[in-house]
Protein backbone atom coordinates (compact mmCIF):
# COMPACT_ATOMS: atom_id res chain seq x y z
CA MET A 1 31.67 24.47 10.66
CA SER A 2 33.35 23.39 7.52
CA ALA A 3 33.46 19.64 8.84
CA VAL A 4 29.71 19.67 9.36
CA ALA A 5 29.11 21.21 5.88
CA ALA A 6 31.48 18.55 4.29
CA GLY A 7 29.65 15.83 6.20
CA ASP A 8 26.45 16.63 4.57
CA ALA A 9 27.86 16.28 1.11
CA ASP A 10 28.81 12.59 1.96
CA GLU A 11 25.06 11.41 3.08
CA PRO A 12 23.66 8.90 0.57
CA GLU A 13 20.57 10.37 -1.21
CA ASP A 14 17.38 8.51 -0.22
CA ALA A 15 16.52 5.59 -2.46
CA PRO A 16 13.88 6.40 -4.97
CA ASP A 17 10.45 4.91 -3.88
CA ASN A 18 9.62 1.87 -6.46
CA GLU A 19 6.56 0.68 -4.60
CA PRO A 20 3.51 0.28 -6.81
CA GLY A 21 1.04 3.16 -6.28
CA THR A 22 -2.05 1.03 -6.90
CA ILE A 23 -3.41 -2.50 -6.61
CA ILE A 24 -5.48 -4.17 -8.97
CA ALA A 25 -8.22 -6.91 -8.04
CA THR A 26 -7.48 -10.18 -9.75
CA GLY A 27 -11.21 -11.29 -8.47
CA ASP A 28 -13.97 -9.94 -6.49
CA VAL A 29 -12.54 -9.05 -2.89
CA TYR A 30 -13.67 -7.39 0.18
CA ILE A 31 -12.21 -4.07 1.37
CA ARG A 32 -11.70 -4.60 5.02
CA SER A 33 -11.08 -2.40 7.91
CA LEU A 34 -8.49 -4.51 9.46
CA PRO A 35 -5.73 -6.70 8.09
CA SER A 36 -7.76 -9.90 8.75
CA THR A 37 -10.78 -11.74 7.75
CA SER A 38 -12.21 -10.31 11.36
CA GLY A 39 -12.00 -6.96 10.01
CA ALA A 40 -15.50 -5.31 9.27
CA LYS A 41 -16.51 -5.55 5.32
CA CYS A 42 -16.57 -2.03 4.15
CA ALA A 43 -17.08 -2.70 0.25
CA VAL A 44 -16.31 -5.22 -2.50
CA LEU A 45 -13.59 -4.54 -4.88
CA HIS A 46 -14.61 -5.89 -8.21
CA LYS A 47 -12.02 -8.06 -10.56
CA GLY A 48 -10.23 -5.23 -12.67
CA GLU A 49 -10.96 -2.60 -10.29
CA ARG A 50 -8.08 -0.36 -8.85
CA LEU A 51 -7.24 1.29 -5.49
CA GLU A 52 -4.60 3.40 -4.33
CA ARG A 53 -1.94 1.86 -1.71
CA ALA A 54 -1.84 3.43 1.40
CA GLY A 55 -0.19 2.66 4.84
CA GLU A 56 1.48 -0.33 5.83
CA ASP A 57 1.11 -3.73 4.10
CA THR A 58 1.35 -7.10 5.79
CA ALA A 59 2.35 -10.72 4.51
CA ASN A 60 -1.21 -11.18 3.31
CA TRP A 61 -2.99 -7.77 2.96
CA TYR A 62 -2.38 -4.70 1.01
CA GLY A 63 -2.78 -1.23 2.65
CA VAL A 64 -5.29 0.81 0.82
CA LEU A 65 -6.96 4.06 0.60
CA TYR A 66 -10.87 3.63 0.52
CA ASN A 67 -13.31 6.65 1.15
CA GLY A 68 -10.26 8.74 2.60
CA LYS A 69 -9.51 5.96 5.06
CA GLN A 70 -6.81 3.25 5.57
CA ARG A 71 -8.38 -0.18 4.67
CA TYR A 72 -7.13 -3.65 3.63
CA VAL A 73 -7.29 -6.06 0.71
CA SER A 74 -6.28 -9.78 0.81
CA ARG A 75 -3.18 -10.24 -1.63
CA LYS A 76 -4.86 -13.34 -2.71
CA TYR A 77 -7.29 -11.42 -4.70
CA ALA A 78 -5.21 -8.60 -5.91
CA LYS A 79 -1.85 -7.56 -7.21
CA ALA A 80 0.26 -4.63 -6.93
CA GLU A 81 0.55 -2.81 -10.41
CA GLU A 82 4.21 -2.00 -11.47
C-alpha cells in the first residue's frame, strides 16, 4: 500500500489550460452547424462580437457555443482572445 501511495506523489500535475475562452470576430462571419461551408448558416457574428469557445477546433474553424449548441466560426474572420 505504501508503494501505491508513494507513486501518487510522483505523478505530474495537469498542465494549466492556456486555451483562450472566447473568440472575437475580425469581420462579419457566419456561425455554422458544421466546420465547413456546407454546414447550415445559423446566424451572423458581426465584427467585434465575441463567442465562448466550446468543443474541438479544426485547422480552419473554431468550435464555439451558440444558443447552447456546438457551432463553428471560420478562422479567416475570427481570432482567439488571449
